[in-house]
Amino acid sequence: MPSAELVLGTMTFGDTADEAISGRLLAVALDAGVTEVDTTNAHVGGLTEEIRGRLLAGRRGRVRLASKVGMPHPDPGSDAPLSAAALHRCVQGSRRRRGTDPVRRRRTNRPRCWR
């Protein structure tokens, strides 16, 4: 899949947009040619990932998933947020919440890495 020109950010899914509205936003975005959908495990405590997973069920081949790590969230446990162990737990937690295969792109959610 080529690099995305349009990316749908889903930080409002489960927050200011309930699942029904989120579904309509996603449908409009896909119809407009969006090929990448982005979120983070920190949005609404992971609820955004759960909603995104349900909404993309059966349509996973149409879109690339992107996510971010580094924001405060229970997934990393007591490890430094960007340590190898914390990143592994974040990926596994995201995968579980989405109910899908791993994301294809994972970025840090901070301009500077935490030490």
N, C-alpha and C. Protein backbone atom coordinates (compact mmCIF):
# COMPACT_ATOMS: atom_id res chain seq x y z
N MET A 1 0.85 -1.16 0.00
CA MET A 1 0.00 0.00 0.00
C MET A 1 0.91 1.24 0.00
N PRO A 2 0.69 2.18 -0.91
CA PRO A 2 1.52 3.38 -0.96
C PRO A 2 1.35 4.25 0.28
N SER A 3 2.28 5.14 0.49
CA SER A 3 2.21 6.07 1.62
C SER A 3 0.92 6.88 1.53
N ALA A 4 0.30 7.10 2.67
CA ALA A 4 -0.99 7.79 2.71
C ALA A 4 -0.84 9.29 2.51
N GLU A 5 -1.71 9.85 1.69
CA GLU A 5 -1.78 11.30 1.53
C GLU A 5 -2.76 11.89 2.53
N LEU A 6 -3.78 11.13 2.89
CA LEU A 6 -4.77 11.55 3.88
C LEU A 6 -4.80 10.53 5.01
N VAL A 7 -4.76 11.02 6.25
CA VAL A 7 -4.80 10.16 7.43
C VAL A 7 -5.94 10.63 8.31
N LEU A 8 -6.76 9.69 8.78
CA LEU A 8 -7.82 10.03 9.71
C LEU A 8 -7.32 9.85 11.13
N GLY A 9 -7.30 10.91 11.90
CA GLY A 9 -6.99 10.83 13.32
C GLY A 9 -8.26 10.49 14.08
N THR A 10 -8.15 9.56 15.02
CA THR A 10 -9.36 9.06 15.68
C THR A 10 -9.42 9.37 17.18
N MET A 11 -8.73 10.41 17.61
CA MET A 11 -8.68 10.70 19.04
C MET A 11 -10.06 11.03 19.64
N THR A 12 -11.03 11.38 18.81
CA THR A 12 -12.37 11.69 19.33
C THR A 12 -13.25 10.45 19.44
N PHE A 13 -12.84 9.33 18.85
CA PHE A 13 -13.65 8.11 18.89
C PHE A 13 -13.77 7.66 20.35
N GLY A 14 -15.00 7.61 20.85
CA GLY A 14 -15.25 7.21 22.23
C GLY A 14 -15.17 8.36 23.21
N ASP A 15 -14.81 9.53 22.74
CA ASP A 15 -14.73 10.71 23.59
C ASP A 15 -15.85 11.66 23.19
N THR A 16 -15.61 12.58 22.29
CA THR A 16 -16.67 13.49 21.85
C THR A 16 -17.52 12.89 20.73
N ALA A 17 -17.06 11.79 20.14
CA ALA A 17 -17.83 11.08 19.11
C ALA A 17 -18.11 9.67 19.62
N ASP A 18 -19.39 9.34 19.82
CA ASP A 18 -19.72 7.98 20.25
C ASP A 18 -19.46 7.01 19.09
N GLU A 19 -19.71 5.72 19.32
CA GLU A 19 -19.36 4.74 18.29
C GLU A 19 -20.15 4.93 17.00
N ALA A 20 -21.41 5.32 17.08
CA ALA A 20 -22.21 5.53 15.88
C ALA A 20 -21.66 6.70 15.05
N ILE A 21 -21.37 7.81 15.70
CA ILE A 21 -20.80 8.96 14.99
C ILE A 21 -19.41 8.61 14.45
N SER A 22 -18.63 7.90 15.25
CA SER A 22 -17.30 7.48 14.81
C SER A 22 -17.40 6.63 13.55
N GLY A 23 -18.39 5.77 13.50
CA GLY A 23 -18.59 4.93 12.31
C GLY A 23 -18.91 5.75 11.08
N ARG A 24 -19.71 6.78 11.26
CA ARG A 24 -20.04 7.65 10.12
C ARG A 24 -18.80 8.44 9.67
N LEU A 25 -18.02 8.93 10.64
CA LEU A 25 -16.79 9.65 10.28
C LEU A 25 -15.83 8.74 9.51
N LEU A 26 -15.69 7.51 9.97
CA LEU A 26 -14.81 6.57 9.29
C LEU A 26 -15.31 6.26 7.88
N ALA A 27 -16.60 6.05 7.73
CA ALA A 27 -17.17 5.75 6.40
C ALA A 27 -16.93 6.90 5.43
N VAL A 28 -17.14 8.13 5.87
CA VAL A 28 -16.91 9.30 5.02
C VAL A 28 -15.42 9.38 4.64
N ALA A 29 -14.56 9.14 5.61
CA ALA A 29 -13.11 9.21 5.34
C ALA A 29 -12.69 8.15 4.33
N LEU A 30 -13.16 6.92 4.49
CA LEU A 30 -12.80 5.86 3.56
C LEU A 30 -13.34 6.15 2.17
N ASP A 31 -14.57 6.65 2.09
CA ASP A 31 -15.15 7.00 0.80
C ASP A 31 -14.38 8.13 0.12
N ALA A 32 -13.75 9.00 0.93
CA ALA A 32 -12.98 10.12 0.39
C ALA A 32 -11.56 9.71 -0.01
N GLY A 33 -11.19 8.45 0.25
CA GLY A 33 -9.87 7.98 -0.16
C GLY A 33 -8.83 7.88 0.95
N VAL A 34 -9.24 8.07 2.19
CA VAL A 34 -8.29 7.90 3.30
C VAL A 34 -7.82 6.45 3.32
N THR A 35 -6.51 6.26 3.44
CA THR A 35 -5.94 4.92 3.47
C THR A 35 -5.17 4.63 4.76
N GLU A 36 -5.13 5.59 5.69
CA GLU A 36 -4.45 5.37 6.96
C GLU A 36 -5.30 5.94 8.09
N VAL A 37 -5.42 5.16 9.17
CA VAL A 37 -6.17 5.57 10.34
C VAL A 37 -5.23 5.54 11.53
N ASP A 38 -5.19 6.64 12.28
CA ASP A 38 -4.23 6.81 13.35
C ASP A 38 -4.91 6.97 14.70
N THR A 39 -4.29 6.46 15.73
CA THR A 39 -4.74 6.65 17.11
C THR A 39 -3.55 6.45 18.03
N THR A 40 -3.81 6.33 19.31
CA THR A 40 -2.81 6.00 20.31
C THR A 40 -3.49 5.24 21.43
N ASN A 41 -2.72 4.46 22.16
CA ASN A 41 -3.30 3.72 23.27
C ASN A 41 -3.78 4.64 24.39
N ALA A 42 -3.32 5.88 24.40
CA ALA A 42 -3.68 6.82 25.47
C ALA A 42 -5.03 7.50 25.27
N HIS A 43 -5.59 7.46 24.08
CA HIS A 43 -6.87 8.12 23.86
C HIS A 43 -7.99 7.37 24.57
N VAL A 44 -8.64 8.05 25.48
CA VAL A 44 -9.78 7.53 26.24
C VAL A 44 -9.44 6.16 26.85
N GLY A 45 -8.21 6.04 27.37
CA GLY A 45 -7.80 4.82 28.05
C GLY A 45 -7.80 3.58 27.18
N GLY A 46 -7.67 3.74 25.89
CA GLY A 46 -7.66 2.60 24.97
C GLY A 46 -9.01 2.37 24.29
N LEU A 47 -10.07 3.05 24.73
CA LEU A 47 -11.39 2.87 24.13
C LEU A 47 -11.38 3.22 22.64
N THR A 48 -10.61 4.24 22.27
CA THR A 48 -10.53 4.62 20.86
C THR A 48 -10.06 3.44 20.01
N GLU A 49 -9.06 2.71 20.49
CA GLU A 49 -8.57 1.54 19.75
C GLU A 49 -9.64 0.45 19.65
N GLU A 50 -10.37 0.24 20.73
CA GLU A 50 -11.43 -0.78 20.71
C GLU A 50 -12.49 -0.43 19.66
N ILE A 51 -12.92 0.83 19.65
CA ILE A 51 -13.94 1.27 18.69
C ILE A 51 -13.40 1.15 17.28
N ARG A 52 -12.19 1.62 17.07
CA ARG A 52 -11.59 1.54 15.74
C ARG A 52 -11.51 0.10 15.26
N GLY A 53 -11.15 -0.82 16.14
CA GLY A 53 -11.08 -2.23 15.77
C GLY A 53 -12.43 -2.77 15.33
N ARG A 54 -13.48 -2.45 16.08
CA ARG A 54 -14.82 -2.92 15.71
C ARG A 54 -15.27 -2.32 14.39
N LEU A 55 -15.01 -1.03 14.20
CA LEU A 55 -15.47 -0.36 12.98
C LEU A 55 -14.74 -0.84 11.74
N LEU A 56 -13.49 -1.27 11.89
CA LEU A 56 -12.72 -1.72 10.73
C LEU A 56 -12.84 -3.21 10.47
N ALA A 57 -13.56 -3.93 11.32
CA ALA A 57 -13.73 -5.37 11.12
C ALA A 57 -14.29 -5.63 9.72
N GLY A 58 -13.63 -6.50 8.99
CA GLY A 58 -14.06 -6.81 7.63
C GLY A 58 -13.58 -5.83 6.58
N ARG A 59 -13.00 -4.72 6.99
CA ARG A 59 -12.51 -3.72 6.03
C ARG A 59 -11.01 -3.48 6.22
N ARG A 60 -10.37 -4.32 6.97
CA ARG A 60 -8.98 -4.10 7.37
C ARG A 60 -8.05 -3.95 6.16
N GLY A 61 -8.32 -4.63 5.07
CA GLY A 61 -7.45 -4.55 3.90
C GLY A 61 -7.47 -3.20 3.20
N ARG A 62 -8.45 -2.37 3.51
CA ARG A 62 -8.58 -1.06 2.85
C ARG A 62 -7.76 0.03 3.49
N VAL A 63 -7.21 -0.25 4.68
CA VAL A 63 -6.60 0.84 5.43
C VAL A 63 -5.37 0.35 6.19
N ARG A 64 -4.41 1.23 6.31
CA ARG A 64 -3.22 0.97 7.12
C ARG A 64 -3.49 1.53 8.52
N LEU A 65 -3.10 0.79 9.54
CA LEU A 65 -3.27 1.26 10.92
C LEU A 65 -1.96 1.89 11.39
N ALA A 66 -2.08 3.02 12.03
CA ALA A 66 -0.94 3.68 12.65
C ALA A 66 -1.29 3.95 14.09
N SER A 67 -0.30 3.94 14.94
CA SER A 67 -0.54 4.22 16.35
C SER A 67 0.71 4.85 16.94
N LYS A 68 0.58 5.32 18.15
CA LYS A 68 1.68 6.00 18.83
C LYS A 68 1.82 5.46 20.24
N VAL A 69 2.99 5.60 20.79
CA VAL A 69 3.26 5.23 22.17
C VAL A 69 3.99 6.38 22.84
N GLY A 70 4.12 6.30 24.16
CA GLY A 70 4.89 7.30 24.88
C GLY A 70 4.07 8.17 25.81
N MET A 71 2.76 8.18 25.66
CA MET A 71 1.90 8.93 26.56
C MET A 71 1.60 8.06 27.78
N PRO A 72 1.29 8.67 28.91
CA PRO A 72 0.97 7.88 30.10
C PRO A 72 -0.20 6.92 29.83
N HIS A 73 0.00 5.66 30.17
CA HIS A 73 -0.99 4.61 29.95
C HIS A 73 -0.57 3.41 30.77
N PRO A 74 -1.50 2.58 31.24
CA PRO A 74 -1.11 1.41 32.04
C PRO A 74 -0.28 0.36 31.28
N ASP A 75 -0.35 0.29 29.96
CA ASP A 75 0.35 -0.75 29.21
C ASP A 75 1.83 -0.89 29.58
N PRO A 76 2.61 0.20 29.66
CA PRO A 76 4.04 0.03 29.91
C PRO A 76 4.39 -0.49 31.30
N GLY A 77 3.46 -0.51 32.23
CA GLY A 77 3.77 -0.94 33.58
C GLY A 77 4.74 0.04 34.23
N SER A 78 5.70 -0.49 34.96
CA SER A 78 6.65 0.37 35.66
C SER A 78 7.89 0.69 34.84
N ASP A 79 7.97 0.15 33.62
CA ASP A 79 9.13 0.41 32.77
C ASP A 79 9.06 1.81 32.18
N ALA A 80 10.21 2.32 31.78
CA ALA A 80 10.27 3.60 31.08
C ALA A 80 9.36 3.51 29.85
N PRO A 81 8.58 4.55 29.55
CA PRO A 81 7.56 4.48 28.49
C PRO A 81 8.07 4.05 27.12
N LEU A 82 9.33 4.32 26.80
CA LEU A 82 9.84 3.96 25.48
C LEU A 82 10.90 2.86 25.54
N SER A 83 10.96 2.11 26.64
CA SER A 83 11.88 0.97 26.74
C SER A 83 11.35 -0.16 25.85
N ALA A 84 12.22 -1.10 25.53
CA ALA A 84 11.82 -2.24 24.69
C ALA A 84 10.67 -3.02 25.34
N ALA A 85 10.76 -3.25 26.64
CA ALA A 85 9.71 -4.01 27.33
C ALA A 85 8.38 -3.26 27.30
N ALA A 86 8.42 -1.96 27.54
CA ALA A 86 7.19 -1.16 27.52
C ALA A 86 6.59 -1.11 26.12
N LEU A 87 7.43 -0.94 25.11
CA LEU A 87 6.93 -0.91 23.73
C LEU A 87 6.26 -2.23 23.37
N HIS A 88 6.87 -3.34 23.78
CA HIS A 88 6.28 -4.64 23.50
C HIS A 88 4.90 -4.76 24.15
N ARG A 89 4.79 -4.36 25.42
CA ARG A 89 3.49 -4.43 26.11
C ARG A 89 2.47 -3.49 25.47
N CYS A 90 2.90 -2.32 25.02
CA CYS A 90 1.98 -1.39 24.35
C CYS A 90 1.45 -1.99 23.05
N VAL A 91 2.34 -2.60 22.28
CA VAL A 91 1.91 -3.23 21.01
C VAL A 91 0.93 -4.35 21.30
N GLN A 92 1.23 -5.19 22.28
CA GLN A 92 0.33 -6.30 22.61
C GLN A 92 -1.02 -5.79 23.12
N GLY A 93 -1.00 -4.74 23.96
CA GLY A 93 -2.26 -4.17 24.45
C GLY A 93 -3.08 -3.57 23.32
N SER A 94 -2.42 -2.86 22.42
CA SER A 94 -3.13 -2.28 21.27
C SER A 94 -3.73 -3.37 20.40
N ARG A 95 -2.96 -4.39 20.16
CA ARG A 95 -3.43 -5.50 19.33
C ARG A 95 -4.66 -6.16 19.96
N ARG A 96 -4.62 -6.37 21.26
CA ARG A 96 -5.76 -6.98 21.97
C ARG A 96 -6.99 -6.07 21.89
N ARG A 97 -6.82 -4.77 22.13
CA ARG A 97 -7.97 -3.86 22.09
C ARG A 97 -8.57 -3.75 20.70
N ARG A 98 -7.74 -3.75 19.68
CA ARG A 98 -8.23 -3.64 18.30
C ARG A 98 -8.79 -4.94 17.77
N GLY A 99 -8.30 -6.06 18.30
CA GLY A 99 -8.73 -7.35 17.79
C GLY A 99 -8.23 -7.59 16.37
N THR A 100 -7.11 -6.98 16.02
CA THR A 100 -6.57 -7.12 14.67
C THR A 100 -5.07 -7.36 14.73
N ASP A 101 -4.50 -7.56 13.57
CA ASP A 101 -3.06 -7.76 13.45
C ASP A 101 -2.32 -6.49 13.86
N PRO A 102 -1.00 -6.57 14.00
CA PRO A 102 -0.24 -5.39 14.46
C PRO A 102 -0.38 -4.20 13.52
N VAL A 103 -0.16 -3.03 14.08
CA VAL A 103 -0.15 -1.83 13.26
C VAL A 103 1.07 -1.85 12.37
N ARG A 104 1.02 -1.15 11.28
CA ARG A 104 2.14 -1.09 10.33
C ARG A 104 3.07 0.08 10.62
N ARG A 105 2.61 1.02 11.40
CA ARG A 105 3.43 2.18 11.72
C ARG A 105 3.18 2.55 13.17
N ARG A 106 4.25 2.68 13.93
CA ARG A 106 4.13 3.07 15.33
C ARG A 106 5.11 4.21 15.56
N ARG A 107 4.62 5.30 16.13
CA ARG A 107 5.45 6.48 16.37
C ARG A 107 5.40 6.85 17.85
N THR A 108 6.39 7.62 18.26
CA THR A 108 6.30 8.15 19.62
C THR A 108 5.35 9.33 19.61
N ASN A 109 4.68 9.53 20.72
CA ASN A 109 3.69 10.59 20.84
C ASN A 109 4.26 11.81 21.53
N ARG A 110 5.56 11.88 21.63
CA ARG A 110 6.23 12.99 22.25
C ARG A 110 7.33 13.50 21.33
N PRO A 111 7.56 14.80 21.28
CA PRO A 111 8.62 15.32 20.41
C PRO A 111 10.01 14.88 20.85
N ARG A 112 10.17 14.66 22.13
CA ARG A 112 11.46 14.19 22.65
C ARG A 112 11.24 12.88 23.40
N CYS A 113 12.12 11.95 23.23
CA CYS A 113 11.99 10.66 23.93
C CYS A 113 12.21 10.85 25.42
N TRP A 114 11.42 10.12 26.20
CA TRP A 114 11.60 10.12 27.64
C TRP A 114 12.81 9.29 28.00
N ARG A 115 13.46 9.66 29.06
CA ARG A 115 14.63 8.88 29.50
C ARG A 115 14.23 7.92 30.58
